Amino acid sequence: MEKQDENSMKLLVSRGDAPSVPDRAAKGAVSRWLQTDSVRMRLITFPPGYEGDHVCYKGHSIYVISGLYKMDLGDSQLEWREGDAFIIPDDVPHRSFNPGESEAKIIMFDNHT
């Protein structure tokens, strides 16, 4: 059994065996979602053929765990693969896609300060 002190009791935790649920921001994707008043972290799984249903203007930090993650970013189209990481600043329009034949998994951080 793990020893827990006052600080560890304050943590928000999503263990590896926690189920993914439909993502509230990326319809058609599933995620494990942790959020405080100032920061949000999601482990998002995009199914093959996923196309985002909206253009987002909020900034994100993204790390690609697996698969192919494609993004319309302003007038550009960029592809990201396993191990790629990037930060999108606020007010840069972007839309997510998974054009691959397998799932794409990313970790996304949002700052809400």
C-alpha atoms as a PDB file:
ATOM      1  CA  MET A   1       0.000   0.000   0.000  1.00  0.00           C
ATOM      2  CA  GLU A   2       1.265   3.491  -0.907  1.00  0.00           C
ATOM      3  CA  LYS A   3       1.857   5.970   1.875  1.00  0.00           C
ATOM      4  CA  GLN A   4      -0.070   9.206   1.290  1.00  0.00           C
ATOM      5  CA  ASP A   5       0.565  12.531   2.986  1.00  0.00           C
ATOM      6  CA  GLU A   6      -1.440  15.758   2.874  1.00  0.00           C
ATOM      7  CA  ASN A   7       0.192  16.858  -0.411  1.00  0.00           C
ATOM      8  CA  SER A   8      -0.390  13.589  -2.251  1.00  0.00           C
ATOM      9  CA  MET A   9      -4.059  13.712  -1.236  1.00  0.00           C
ATOM     10  CA  LYS A  10      -4.384  16.937  -3.302  1.00  0.00           C
ATOM     11  CA  LEU A  11      -3.338  15.265  -6.580  1.00  0.00           C
ATOM     12  CA  LEU A  12      -5.713  14.599  -9.452  1.00  0.00           C
ATOM     13  CA  VAL A  13      -4.853  11.122 -10.738  1.00  0.00           C
ATOM     14  CA  SER A  14      -5.833   9.046 -13.754  1.00  0.00           C
ATOM     15  CA  ARG A  15      -4.190   5.615 -13.548  1.00  0.00           C
ATOM     16  CA  GLY A  16      -3.306   3.640 -16.677  1.00  0.00           C
ATOM     17  CA  ASP A  17      -6.227   1.275 -16.222  1.00  0.00           C
ATOM     18  CA  ALA A  18      -8.789   4.114 -16.040  1.00  0.00           C
ATOM     19  CA  PRO A  19     -11.300   3.952 -18.900  1.00  0.00           C
ATOM     20  CA  SER A  20     -11.392   6.569 -21.631  1.00  0.00           C
ATOM     21  CA  VAL A  21     -14.710   8.327 -22.142  1.00  0.00           C
ATOM     22  CA  PRO A  22     -16.088  10.415 -25.008  1.00  0.00           C
ATOM     23  CA  ASP A  23     -14.034  13.599 -25.145  1.00  0.00           C
ATOM     24  CA  ARG A  24     -16.050  16.723 -24.281  1.00  0.00           C
ATOM     25  CA  ALA A  25     -14.083  18.966 -26.663  1.00  0.00           C
ATOM     26  CA  ALA A  26     -13.185  16.655 -29.580  1.00  0.00           C
ATOM     27  CA  LYS A  27     -16.402  14.915 -30.601  1.00  0.00           C
ATOM     28  CA  GLY A  28     -15.702  11.416 -31.907  1.00  0.00           C
ATOM     29  CA  ALA A  29     -12.500  11.019 -29.875  1.00  0.00           C
ATOM     30  CA  VAL A  30     -12.126   9.488 -26.407  1.00  0.00           C
ATOM     31  CA  SER A  31      -9.977  10.722 -23.558  1.00  0.00           C
ATOM     32  CA  ARG A  32      -8.918  10.625 -19.951  1.00  0.00           C
ATOM     33  CA  TRP A  33      -9.381  14.187 -18.705  1.00  0.00           C
ATOM     34  CA  LEU A  34      -7.861  15.900 -15.651  1.00  0.00           C
ATOM     35  CA  GLN A  35      -8.601  19.554 -14.909  1.00  0.00           C
ATOM     36  CA  THR A  36      -8.050  22.184 -12.231  1.00  0.00           C
ATOM     37  CA  ASP A  37      -9.020  25.859 -12.315  1.00  0.00           C
ATOM     38  CA  SER A  38      -5.857  26.763 -14.226  1.00  0.00           C
ATOM     39  CA  VAL A  39      -4.708  23.753 -16.255  1.00  0.00           C
ATOM     40  CA  ARG A  40      -6.215  20.835 -18.151  1.00  0.00           C
ATOM     41  CA  MET A  41      -4.468  17.645 -19.308  1.00  0.00           C
ATOM     42  CA  ARG A  42      -6.020  15.109 -21.657  1.00  0.00           C
ATOM     43  CA  LEU A  43      -4.813  11.798 -23.031  1.00  0.00           C
ATOM     44  CA  ILE A  44      -6.803  11.770 -26.274  1.00  0.00           C
ATOM     45  CA  THR A  45      -7.306   8.842 -28.646  1.00  0.00           C
ATOM     46  CA  PHE A  46      -8.444   9.731 -32.158  1.00  0.00           C
ATOM     47  CA  PRO A  47      -9.955   6.829 -34.151  1.00  0.00           C
ATOM     48  CA  PRO A  48      -8.845   6.157 -37.746  1.00  0.00           C
ATOM     49  CA  GLY A  49     -10.350   8.705 -40.122  1.00  0.00           C
ATOM     50  CA  TYR A  50     -11.122  11.224 -37.358  1.00  0.00           C
ATOM     51  CA  GLU A  51     -11.900  14.779 -38.505  1.00  0.00           C
ATOM     52  CA  GLY A  52     -12.317  17.600 -35.993  1.00  0.00           C
ATOM     53  CA  ASP A  53     -15.777  19.143 -35.927  1.00  0.00           C
ATOM     54  CA  HIS A  54     -14.590  22.692 -35.161  1.00  0.00           C
ATOM     55  CA  VAL A  55     -11.744  25.162 -35.504  1.00  0.00           C
ATOM     56  CA  CYS A  56     -10.162  25.961 -32.136  1.00  0.00           C
ATOM     57  CA  TYR A  57      -8.475  29.250 -31.206  1.00  0.00           C
ATOM     58  CA  LYS A  58      -7.286  28.270 -27.691  1.00  0.00           C
ATOM     59  CA  GLY A  59      -3.591  27.456 -27.265  1.00  0.00           C
ATOM     60  CA  HIS A  60      -2.355  23.927 -26.490  1.00  0.00           C
ATOM     61  CA  SER A  61       0.840  22.021 -25.804  1.00  0.00           C
ATOM     62  CA  ILE A  62       0.778  18.643 -27.574  1.00  0.00           C
ATOM     63  CA  TYR A  63       2.911  15.496 -27.472  1.00  0.00           C
ATOM     64  CA  VAL A  64       2.169  12.692 -29.956  1.00  0.00           C
ATOM     65  CA  ILE A  65       2.345   9.279 -28.290  1.00  0.00           C
ATOM     66  CA  SER A  66       1.480   7.169 -31.331  1.00  0.00           C
ATOM     67  CA  GLY A  67      -0.070   7.231 -34.784  1.00  0.00           C
ATOM     68  CA  LEU A  68      -0.422  10.050 -37.284  1.00  0.00           C
ATOM     69  CA  TYR A  69      -1.860  13.352 -36.065  1.00  0.00           C
ATOM     70  CA  LYS A  70      -2.571  15.954 -38.725  1.00  0.00           C
ATOM     71  CA  MET A  71      -3.576  19.537 -38.203  1.00  0.00           C
ATOM     72  CA  ASP A  72      -4.883  22.400 -40.294  1.00  0.00           C
ATOM     73  CA  LEU A  73      -3.025  25.319 -38.749  1.00  0.00           C
ATOM     74  CA  GLY A  74      -4.131  28.612 -40.257  1.00  0.00           C
ATOM     75  CA  ASP A  75      -3.464  28.156 -43.979  1.00  0.00           C
ATOM     76  CA  SER A  76      -0.978  25.289 -43.440  1.00  0.00           C
ATOM     77  CA  GLN A  77      -1.430  21.531 -43.071  1.00  0.00           C
ATOM     78  CA  LEU A  78       1.079  19.848 -40.782  1.00  0.00           C
ATOM     79  CA  GLU A  79       1.636  16.176 -39.913  1.00  0.00           C
ATOM     80  CA  TRP A  80       2.934  15.009 -36.557  1.00  0.00           C
ATOM     81  CA  ARG A  81       4.133  11.525 -35.619  1.00  0.00           C
ATOM     82  CA  GLU A  82       5.177   9.580 -32.535  1.00  0.00           C
ATOM     83  CA  GLY A  83       7.611  11.583 -30.410  1.00  0.00           C
ATOM     84  CA  ASP A  84       6.749  14.966 -31.953  1.00  0.00           C
ATOM     85  CA  ALA A  85       5.829  17.806 -29.589  1.00  0.00           C
ATOM     86  CA  PHE A  86       4.684  21.353 -30.265  1.00  0.00           C
ATOM     87  CA  ILE A  87       2.961  24.360 -28.714  1.00  0.00           C
ATOM     88  CA  ILE A  88       0.144  26.243 -30.417  1.00  0.00           C
ATOM     89  CA  PRO A  89      -0.284  29.782 -29.042  1.00  0.00           C
ATOM     90  CA  ASP A  90      -3.693  31.297 -28.357  1.00  0.00           C
ATOM     91  CA  ASP A  91      -5.477  32.880 -31.327  1.00  0.00           C
ATOM     92  CA  VAL A  92      -3.914  30.534 -33.929  1.00  0.00           C
ATOM     93  CA  PRO A  93      -6.779  28.707 -35.669  1.00  0.00           C
ATOM     94  CA  HIS A  94      -6.335  24.932 -35.849  1.00  0.00           C
ATOM     95  CA  ARG A  95      -8.330  21.759 -36.537  1.00  0.00           C
ATOM     96  CA  SER A  96      -7.324  18.148 -35.782  1.00  0.00           C
ATOM     97  CA  PHE A  97      -7.376  15.043 -38.008  1.00  0.00           C
ATOM     98  CA  ASN A  98      -6.257  11.432 -37.943  1.00  0.00           C
ATOM     99  CA  PRO A  99      -5.973  10.398 -41.609  1.00  0.00           C
ATOM    100  CA  GLY A 100      -4.225   7.153 -40.648  1.00  0.00           C
ATOM    101  CA  GLU A 101      -5.580   3.607 -40.566  1.00  0.00           C
ATOM    102  CA  SER A 102      -4.806   3.170 -36.859  1.00  0.00           C
ATOM    103  CA  GLU A 103      -5.519   5.163 -33.706  1.00  0.00           C
ATOM    104  CA  ALA A 104      -3.576   8.334 -32.953  1.00  0.00           C
ATOM    105  CA  LYS A 105      -2.852   9.131 -29.300  1.00  0.00           C
ATOM    106  CA  ILE A 106      -1.737  12.494 -27.965  1.00  0.00           C
ATOM    107  CA  ILE A 107      -1.285  14.240 -24.648  1.00  0.00           C
ATOM    108  CA  MET A 108      -2.713  17.761 -24.693  1.00  0.00           C
ATOM    109  CA  PHE A 109      -2.176  20.469 -22.076  1.00  0.00           C
ATOM    110  CA  ASP A 110      -4.291  23.616 -21.958  1.00  0.00           C
ATOM    111  CA  ASN A 111      -3.597  26.609 -19.734  1.00  0.00           C
ATOM    112  CA  HIS A 112      -6.666  28.440 -18.516  1.00  0.00           C
ATOM    113  CA  THR A 113      -5.105  31.250 -16.492  1.00  0.00           C
END
